[in-house]
Amino acid sequence: MAAVLLSCVLPILIILVAPTFWPTPAYRPFEGSVVRADAIHYSTILRDGYTYNVASRSNVAFPPGYPLLARFVRWATGLQPTVALLIVSWTCLLGCCVLLAEYSRRGLFALDGNAWYVTVAFALFPATLFFRMPYSEPLFLFLLLGAFTLMQRGASPLLVALSIGSATAVRHVGVAALPAFLIYLSAGRSWRSFFVQAVALAPVACWGLLAYMAYLWERFDDPMAFAQTQQHWYFVKLVGLGDRAAALVALEPIWGYFDSSSVFFWERTSPSSGSLFGAPLLDRATWLFGIAMGAYGWAKRWLTAGEVSLVIGLLLIPYLTRGYEMAFFSQARFTSVAFPIYLVYGRILATLPRPVSITVLVASGFLLAAYTARFVTGHLLI
């Protein structure tokens, strides 16, 4: 808890000192420094609600769970929108660490001393800079961890389904938890019993997404408005389905960043981010790290089938659906919520000599500070 609280103070300190040491294209006071990129849309939804224009970017792309909870905090406390959003984020970040520590003490992963490494590794992970900002990731991960903790403890399937469904109200990719839920349902049940429960509870496990679609249908006469408006967010224009699929299978959005002949080359997609601490390198390194941790955890049997399926879903769904047109931007943020990678990462650190583990954690904390400084001083990190 001390590590998390200190890491929450980090962005405030950086906001104050970063402009002195780091060139900034557009430094602004506190609110302008943290309310950037997608956080702007959450702030707008909190203040003014949803708008939709079929011909342009619209904030219906962002699910309602996070701004709705922040609106309740604002109503209960009278605080400004940015502060209400940050209270939700920081509280959920602390909750994530508590649940992650408890989760790592049980099941296949349980070993003495692992919980400390898992929790600190998560708290200092560079991509979790977004957990200190007005973003939905902390709430989403908190709800995911809650659902998996319930499954770990053998809770009622209905309760688990409701928990997963609440996560889909925060991020649509919460449906990535459905395979793990189906695996949980199948344990110790006949095929007939499993089928009946799966049919009955699968919609419950998507209740947040379905409720949002119903709202969009009633308000804007288009239940898929959240998906339709995504076509207006892009760094690379879409090509034919065949060419797009071939590029994704070949992982061109990753290596194309370094290839001058590729549409993903850094001078074409992010000329202002071509540095060691730019968003493109963070996105690629984090996603590949997540793949490596998931694969290693599966090979070593450190992760359950449900945890492996969650990693696969949380990493591949954003990559396959948005990895091409977004030129791989935001993949670090999307990867940061795949909590099983921290279980594996922490266990590896626990097996290393302590000086080596501490050195890795210090280096991770430095990168977290550096990327936070880039974010609050106006550089491109989304």
Protein backbone atom coordinates (compact mmCIF):
# COMPACT_ATOMS: atom_id res chain seq x y z
CA MET A 1 0.00 0.00 0.00
CA ALA A 2 2.89 2.36 0.76
CA ALA A 3 4.41 1.68 -2.66
CA VAL A 4 1.11 2.41 -4.37
CA LEU A 5 0.47 5.62 -2.45
CA LEU A 6 3.97 6.85 -3.23
CA SER A 7 3.50 5.97 -6.89
CA CYS A 8 0.28 8.01 -6.90
CA VAL A 9 2.17 11.02 -5.58
CA LEU A 10 4.65 10.56 -8.43
CA PRO A 11 2.59 12.24 -11.19
CA ILE A 12 1.88 15.25 -8.97
CA LEU A 13 5.59 15.78 -8.32
CA ILE A 14 6.41 15.28 -11.99
CA ILE A 15 3.78 17.84 -13.03
CA LEU A 16 5.59 20.36 -10.86
CA VAL A 17 9.19 19.60 -11.87
CA ALA A 18 9.06 18.01 -15.34
CA PRO A 19 8.79 21.25 -17.36
CA THR A 20 12.06 22.43 -15.78
CA PHE A 21 14.03 19.42 -16.99
CA TRP A 22 12.11 18.18 -20.02
CA PRO A 23 11.24 20.17 -23.16
CA THR A 24 7.48 20.40 -23.47
CA PRO A 25 5.35 21.32 -26.51
CA ALA A 26 2.38 22.48 -24.46
CA TYR A 27 2.77 22.58 -20.72
CA ARG A 28 -0.44 23.39 -18.85
CA PRO A 29 -1.49 23.52 -15.20
CA PHE A 30 -2.52 20.40 -13.28
CA GLU A 31 -5.83 19.68 -14.99
CA GLY A 32 -4.47 20.25 -18.46
CA SER A 33 -1.50 18.01 -17.72
CA VAL A 34 -3.48 14.95 -16.66
CA VAL A 35 -6.65 15.38 -18.73
CA ARG A 36 -5.18 14.47 -22.10
CA ALA A 37 -6.01 12.17 -25.03
CA ASP A 38 -8.79 9.72 -24.02
CA ALA A 39 -9.04 11.33 -20.59
CA ILE A 40 -10.52 14.39 -22.28
CA HIS A 41 -13.45 12.30 -23.49
CA TYR A 42 -14.08 10.81 -20.03
CA SER A 43 -14.09 14.31 -18.57
CA THR A 44 -16.53 15.51 -21.24
CA ILE A 45 -18.87 12.56 -20.64
CA LEU A 46 -18.78 13.26 -16.91
CA ARG A 47 -19.74 16.91 -17.39
CA ASP A 48 -22.02 16.87 -20.44
CA GLY A 49 -23.00 13.28 -21.23
CA TYR A 50 -22.82 11.49 -24.58
CA THR A 51 -22.96 12.92 -28.09
CA TYR A 52 -22.96 11.09 -31.42
CA ASN A 53 -22.25 12.24 -34.95
CA VAL A 54 -22.03 9.51 -37.57
CA ALA A 55 -19.64 11.62 -39.66
CA SER A 56 -17.02 12.38 -37.00
CA ARG A 57 -15.38 11.16 -33.81
CA SER A 58 -17.89 10.86 -30.99
CA ASN A 59 -17.48 10.08 -27.33
CA VAL A 60 -19.89 7.13 -27.54
CA ALA A 61 -16.73 5.13 -28.24
CA PHE A 62 -16.06 5.23 -24.48
CA PRO A 63 -18.16 2.98 -22.21
CA PRO A 64 -20.09 4.57 -19.35
CA GLY A 65 -18.88 2.67 -16.28
CA TYR A 66 -15.93 4.87 -15.36
CA PRO A 67 -17.45 8.34 -15.94
CA LEU A 68 -20.70 7.18 -14.30
CA LEU A 69 -18.88 6.19 -11.10
CA ALA A 70 -16.92 9.46 -11.17
CA ARG A 71 -20.20 11.35 -11.59
CA PHE A 72 -21.46 9.70 -8.40
CA VAL A 73 -18.25 10.74 -6.58
CA ARG A 74 -18.70 14.29 -7.86
CA TRP A 75 -22.34 14.34 -6.74
CA ALA A 76 -21.45 12.99 -3.29
CA THR A 77 -18.46 15.28 -2.68
CA GLY A 78 -18.98 18.37 -4.85
CA LEU A 79 -15.45 17.99 -6.25
CA GLN A 80 -14.35 19.09 -9.70
CA PRO A 81 -14.67 16.52 -12.54
CA THR A 82 -10.91 15.92 -12.84
CA VAL A 83 -10.53 15.31 -9.12
CA ALA A 84 -13.53 12.96 -9.10
CA LEU A 85 -12.05 10.95 -11.98
CA LEU A 86 -8.67 10.77 -10.24
CA ILE A 87 -10.23 9.65 -6.96
CA VAL A 88 -11.87 6.73 -8.76
CA SER A 89 -8.62 5.85 -10.55
CA TRP A 90 -6.37 6.05 -7.51
CA THR A 91 -8.80 4.22 -5.23
CA CYS A 92 -9.16 1.42 -7.76
CA LEU A 93 -5.37 1.30 -8.20
CA LEU A 94 -5.01 0.71 -4.48
CA GLY A 95 -7.78 -1.88 -4.64
CA CYS A 96 -6.03 -3.62 -7.54
CA CYS A 97 -2.86 -4.00 -5.47
CA VAL A 98 -4.76 -5.43 -2.51
CA LEU A 99 -6.64 -7.93 -4.68
CA LEU A 100 -3.55 -8.80 -6.72
CA ALA A 101 -1.54 -9.52 -3.56
CA GLU A 102 -4.33 -11.70 -2.18
CA TYR A 103 -4.90 -13.47 -5.49
CA SER A 104 -1.21 -14.30 -5.87
CA ARG A 105 -1.17 -16.06 -2.48
CA ARG A 106 -3.60 -18.74 -3.61
CA GLY A 107 -4.06 -21.32 -6.36
CA LEU A 108 -1.36 -22.65 -8.67
CA PHE A 109 0.78 -19.60 -8.17
CA ALA A 110 0.97 -19.59 -4.37
CA LEU A 111 4.52 -19.41 -2.99
CA ASP A 112 5.89 -17.58 0.03
CA GLY A 113 7.19 -14.12 -0.83
CA ASN A 114 5.64 -13.94 -4.30
CA ALA A 115 2.86 -11.54 -3.31
CA TRP A 116 5.32 -8.76 -2.47
CA TYR A 117 7.13 -9.04 -5.80
CA VAL A 118 3.89 -9.33 -7.78
CA THR A 119 2.38 -6.25 -6.16
CA VAL A 120 5.47 -4.03 -6.42
CA ALA A 121 6.17 -5.22 -9.98
CA PHE A 122 2.66 -4.13 -10.91
CA ALA A 123 2.86 -0.82 -9.04
CA LEU A 124 6.12 0.12 -10.81
CA PHE A 125 5.28 -1.28 -14.26
CA PRO A 126 5.88 1.54 -16.80
CA ALA A 127 2.59 1.09 -18.67
CA THR A 128 0.62 1.58 -15.45
CA LEU A 129 1.28 5.32 -15.72
CA PHE A 130 -2.29 5.42 -17.08
CA PHE A 131 -3.53 4.06 -13.74
CA ARG A 132 -2.53 7.41 -12.20
CA MET A 133 -4.43 9.41 -14.81
CA PRO A 134 -8.16 9.90 -15.53
CA TYR A 135 -8.43 6.63 -17.46
CA SER A 136 -10.73 3.63 -17.04
CA GLU A 137 -7.97 0.99 -16.71
CA PRO A 138 -7.79 0.94 -12.87
CA LEU A 139 -11.55 0.39 -12.49
CA PHE A 140 -11.56 -2.21 -15.26
CA LEU A 141 -8.69 -4.19 -13.72
CA PHE A 142 -10.23 -3.94 -10.25
CA LEU A 143 -13.45 -5.52 -11.53
CA LEU A 144 -11.55 -8.20 -13.46
CA LEU A 145 -9.52 -9.08 -10.39
CA GLY A 146 -12.72 -9.21 -8.39
CA ALA A 147 -14.26 -11.68 -10.85
CA PHE A 148 -11.18 -13.91 -10.91
CA THR A 149 -10.89 -13.79 -7.12
CA LEU A 150 -14.49 -14.97 -6.90
CA MET A 151 -13.72 -17.84 -9.28
CA GLN A 152 -10.59 -18.70 -7.33
CA ARG A 153 -12.71 -19.03 -4.19
CA GLY A 154 -15.47 -21.06 -5.80
CA ALA A 155 -18.18 -18.39 -5.67
CA SER A 156 -21.65 -18.63 -7.20
CA PRO A 157 -21.54 -18.58 -11.03
CA LEU A 158 -24.23 -15.90 -11.03
CA LEU A 159 -22.09 -13.64 -8.83
CA VAL A 160 -19.07 -14.20 -11.08
CA ALA A 161 -21.16 -13.44 -14.18
CA LEU A 162 -22.42 -10.20 -12.65
CA SER A 163 -18.85 -9.17 -11.81
CA ILE A 164 -17.58 -9.86 -15.33
CA GLY A 165 -20.58 -8.04 -16.75
CA SER A 166 -19.72 -4.96 -14.72
CA ALA A 167 -16.25 -5.00 -16.29
CA THR A 168 -17.81 -4.92 -19.78
CA ALA A 169 -19.53 -1.67 -18.75
CA VAL A 170 -16.07 -0.14 -18.26
CA ARG A 171 -14.21 -1.63 -21.21
CA HIS A 172 -15.86 -3.63 -23.98
CA VAL A 173 -12.86 -5.95 -24.09
CA GLY A 174 -14.11 -7.34 -20.79
CA VAL A 175 -15.69 -10.06 -22.94
CA ALA A 176 -12.17 -11.54 -22.96
CA ALA A 177 -13.02 -12.98 -19.53
CA LEU A 178 -15.83 -15.12 -20.98
CA PRO A 179 -13.59 -18.12 -21.88
CA ALA A 180 -12.26 -18.20 -18.31
CA PHE A 181 -15.84 -18.05 -17.02
CA LEU A 182 -16.88 -20.94 -19.27
CA ILE A 183 -13.90 -22.96 -18.04
CA TYR A 184 -15.04 -22.22 -14.49
CA LEU A 185 -18.59 -23.33 -15.29
CA SER A 186 -17.41 -26.61 -16.83
CA ALA A 187 -15.53 -27.78 -13.73
CA GLY A 188 -17.30 -30.78 -12.15
CA ARG A 189 -20.46 -30.44 -14.25
CA SER A 190 -22.03 -32.66 -16.85
CA TRP A 191 -22.20 -31.38 -20.40
CA ARG A 192 -25.95 -30.84 -20.09
CA SER A 193 -25.62 -28.83 -16.88
CA PHE A 194 -22.74 -26.84 -18.33
CA PHE A 195 -24.68 -26.02 -21.50
CA VAL A 196 -27.78 -24.85 -19.60
CA GLN A 197 -25.76 -22.62 -17.26
CA ALA A 198 -23.60 -21.25 -20.08
CA VAL A 199 -26.64 -20.25 -22.14
CA ALA A 200 -28.31 -18.66 -19.13
CA LEU A 201 -25.30 -16.83 -17.68
CA ALA A 202 -23.29 -15.76 -20.76
CA PRO A 203 -25.63 -12.79 -21.36
CA VAL A 204 -25.37 -11.89 -17.67
CA ALA A 205 -21.58 -11.84 -18.06
CA CYS A 206 -22.07 -9.21 -20.79
CA TRP A 207 -24.75 -7.19 -19.05
CA GLY A 208 -22.70 -3.97 -18.98
CA LEU A 209 -22.07 -4.01 -22.73
CA LEU A 210 -25.66 -5.03 -23.50
CA ALA A 211 -27.05 -2.27 -21.27
CA TYR A 212 -24.88 0.30 -23.02
CA MET A 213 -26.02 -0.94 -26.42
CA ALA A 214 -29.62 -0.63 -25.28
CA TYR A 215 -28.94 2.95 -24.17
CA LEU A 216 -27.36 3.81 -27.53
CA TRP A 217 -30.30 2.26 -29.34
CA GLU A 218 -32.79 4.29 -27.35
CA ARG A 219 -30.79 7.54 -27.41
CA PHE A 220 -29.22 7.53 -30.88
CA ASP A 221 -31.16 4.77 -32.67
CA ASP A 222 -27.94 2.81 -33.22
CA PRO A 223 -26.88 0.10 -30.74
CA MET A 224 -23.52 -0.24 -32.51
CA ALA A 225 -22.67 3.46 -32.43
CA PHE A 226 -19.70 2.74 -30.14
CA ALA A 227 -18.17 0.54 -32.84
CA GLN A 228 -19.21 2.65 -35.84
CA THR A 229 -17.48 5.78 -34.57
CA GLN A 230 -14.16 3.94 -34.28
CA GLN A 231 -13.64 4.34 -38.02
CA HIS A 232 -12.83 8.01 -37.37
CA TRP A 233 -9.91 7.16 -35.05
CA TYR A 234 -6.87 6.13 -37.05
CA PHE A 235 -3.21 6.83 -37.78
CA VAL A 236 -3.11 4.56 -40.84
CA LYS A 237 -6.04 4.34 -43.24
CA LEU A 238 -7.60 0.92 -43.62
CA VAL A 239 -6.85 -1.27 -46.63
CA GLY A 240 -8.66 -4.34 -47.91
CA LEU A 241 -9.46 -7.10 -45.46
CA GLY A 242 -6.91 -9.46 -47.03
CA ASP A 243 -4.03 -6.97 -46.91
CA ARG A 244 -4.97 -5.93 -43.39
CA ALA A 245 -5.09 -9.54 -42.18
CA ALA A 246 -1.75 -10.31 -43.83
CA ALA A 247 -0.11 -7.32 -42.13
CA LEU A 248 -1.50 -8.30 -38.73
CA VAL A 249 -0.45 -11.95 -39.06
CA ALA A 250 3.04 -10.84 -40.11
CA LEU A 251 3.17 -8.48 -37.09
CA GLU A 252 3.96 -5.59 -39.41
CA PRO A 253 2.49 -2.99 -37.02
CA ILE A 254 5.36 -3.94 -34.68
CA TRP A 255 8.44 -4.23 -36.90
CA GLY A 256 7.13 -1.80 -39.51
CA TYR A 257 7.86 1.02 -37.07
CA PHE A 258 11.56 0.52 -37.90
CA ASP A 259 11.12 -0.13 -41.65
CA SER A 260 11.17 2.97 -43.85
CA SER A 261 9.18 1.14 -46.55
CA SER A 262 6.28 0.33 -44.21
CA VAL A 263 3.16 2.45 -43.67
CA PHE A 264 3.90 2.07 -39.95
CA PHE A 265 7.34 3.68 -40.15
CA TRP A 266 7.80 6.10 -37.28
CA GLU A 267 8.36 9.17 -39.47
CA ARG A 268 4.92 8.58 -41.04
CA THR A 269 2.86 7.68 -37.97
CA SER A 270 4.54 9.46 -35.05
CA PRO A 271 7.37 11.80 -36.07
CA SER A 272 7.28 13.54 -32.68
CA SER A 273 7.55 10.26 -30.76
CA GLY A 274 10.73 8.84 -32.24
CA SER A 275 12.64 8.63 -28.97
CA LEU A 276 13.52 6.11 -26.30
CA PHE A 277 10.64 7.37 -24.16
CA GLY A 278 8.11 7.73 -26.96
CA ALA A 279 4.76 5.95 -26.95
CA PRO A 280 5.55 3.61 -29.91
CA LEU A 281 8.43 1.87 -28.13
CA LEU A 282 6.44 1.61 -24.91
CA ASP A 283 3.52 0.07 -26.81
CA ARG A 284 5.65 -2.50 -28.62
CA ALA A 285 7.86 -3.45 -25.70
CA THR A 286 4.88 -3.83 -23.33
CA TRP A 287 2.84 -5.95 -25.74
CA LEU A 288 5.76 -8.27 -26.51
CA PHE A 289 6.54 -8.49 -22.80
CA GLY A 290 2.93 -9.49 -22.15
CA ILE A 291 3.08 -12.19 -24.83
CA ALA A 292 6.35 -13.51 -23.37
CA MET A 293 5.03 -13.59 -19.79
CA GLY A 294 1.81 -15.31 -20.86
CA ALA A 295 3.67 -17.92 -22.91
CA TYR A 296 6.24 -18.55 -20.18
CA GLY A 297 3.58 -18.82 -17.50
CA TRP A 298 1.66 -21.32 -19.62
CA ALA A 299 4.79 -23.37 -20.41
CA LYS A 300 5.80 -23.51 -16.74
CA ARG A 301 2.20 -24.28 -15.66
CA TRP A 302 2.24 -21.22 -13.42
CA LEU A 303 -1.04 -19.98 -14.87
CA THR A 304 -4.42 -21.66 -15.05
CA ALA A 305 -6.20 -22.19 -18.35
CA GLY A 306 -8.55 -19.34 -17.50
CA GLU A 307 -5.69 -16.94 -16.79
CA VAL A 308 -3.95 -17.87 -20.05
CA SER A 309 -7.19 -17.35 -21.99
CA LEU A 310 -7.55 -13.90 -20.40
CA VAL A 311 -4.05 -12.86 -21.47
CA ILE A 312 -4.71 -14.08 -25.00
CA GLY A 313 -8.01 -12.22 -25.21
CA LEU A 314 -6.83 -8.94 -23.69
CA LEU A 315 -3.77 -8.80 -25.95
CA LEU A 316 -5.22 -10.12 -29.21
CA ILE A 317 -8.66 -8.47 -29.29
CA PRO A 318 -7.28 -4.88 -29.32
CA TYR A 319 -4.47 -5.89 -31.67
CA LEU A 320 -6.74 -7.57 -34.23
CA THR A 321 -9.48 -4.96 -34.08
CA ARG A 322 -7.47 -1.73 -33.76
CA GLY A 323 -3.79 -2.60 -34.16
CA TYR A 324 -3.65 -1.76 -37.87
CA GLU A 325 -5.43 1.56 -38.20
CA MET A 326 -4.07 2.84 -34.87
CA ALA A 327 -0.52 1.90 -35.92
CA PHE A 328 -0.19 -0.07 -32.66
CA PHE A 329 -0.81 2.99 -30.48
CA SER A 330 -2.41 2.34 -27.06
CA GLN A 331 -1.35 -1.32 -26.96
CA ALA A 332 0.72 -0.72 -23.80
CA ARG A 333 -2.36 0.61 -22.03
CA PHE A 334 -4.45 -2.30 -23.26
CA THR A 335 -1.80 -4.79 -22.16
CA SER A 336 -1.45 -3.26 -18.69
CA VAL A 337 -4.78 -4.76 -17.55
CA ALA A 338 -3.75 -8.37 -18.34
CA PHE A 339 -2.97 -9.10 -14.70
CA PRO A 340 -1.67 -12.71 -15.11
CA ILE A 341 1.49 -11.26 -16.66
CA TYR A 342 2.30 -9.67 -13.28
CA LEU A 343 1.89 -13.06 -11.60
CA VAL A 344 4.57 -14.50 -13.86
CA TYR A 345 6.77 -11.40 -13.73
CA GLY A 346 6.63 -11.34 -9.93
CA ARG A 347 7.41 -15.03 -9.63
CA ILE A 348 10.45 -14.62 -11.88
CA LEU A 349 11.66 -11.72 -9.74
CA ALA A 350 11.15 -13.81 -6.60
CA THR A 351 13.50 -16.50 -7.97
CA LEU A 352 16.30 -14.06 -8.87
CA PRO A 353 18.97 -12.90 -6.42
CA ARG A 354 17.53 -10.02 -4.41
CA PRO A 355 20.03 -7.39 -5.69
CA VAL A 356 19.06 -8.28 -9.28
CA SER A 357 15.32 -8.10 -8.51
CA ILE A 358 15.68 -4.75 -6.75
CA THR A 359 17.72 -3.39 -9.67
CA VAL A 360 14.99 -4.45 -12.13
CA LEU A 361 12.30 -2.83 -10.00
CA VAL A 362 14.27 0.40 -9.64
CA ALA A 363 14.79 0.52 -13.41
CA SER A 364 11.06 -0.10 -13.91
CA GLY A 365 10.25 2.74 -11.51
CA PHE A 366 12.57 5.05 -13.43
CA LEU A 367 10.79 4.21 -16.70
CA LEU A 368 7.43 4.77 -15.03
CA ALA A 369 8.60 8.23 -13.94
CA ALA A 370 10.03 9.03 -17.38
CA TYR A 371 6.89 8.07 -19.28
CA THR A 372 4.74 9.91 -16.75
CA ALA A 373 6.85 13.01 -17.37
CA ARG A 374 6.30 12.61 -21.11
CA PHE A 375 2.56 12.33 -20.59
CA VAL A 376 2.07 15.34 -18.33
CA THR A 377 4.29 17.59 -20.44
CA GLY A 378 2.12 17.17 -23.52
CA HIS A 379 3.94 14.49 -25.52
CA LEU A 380 1.99 11.84 -27.46
CA LEU A 381 1.03 9.01 -25.13
CA ILE A 382 -2.47 7.55 -25.52
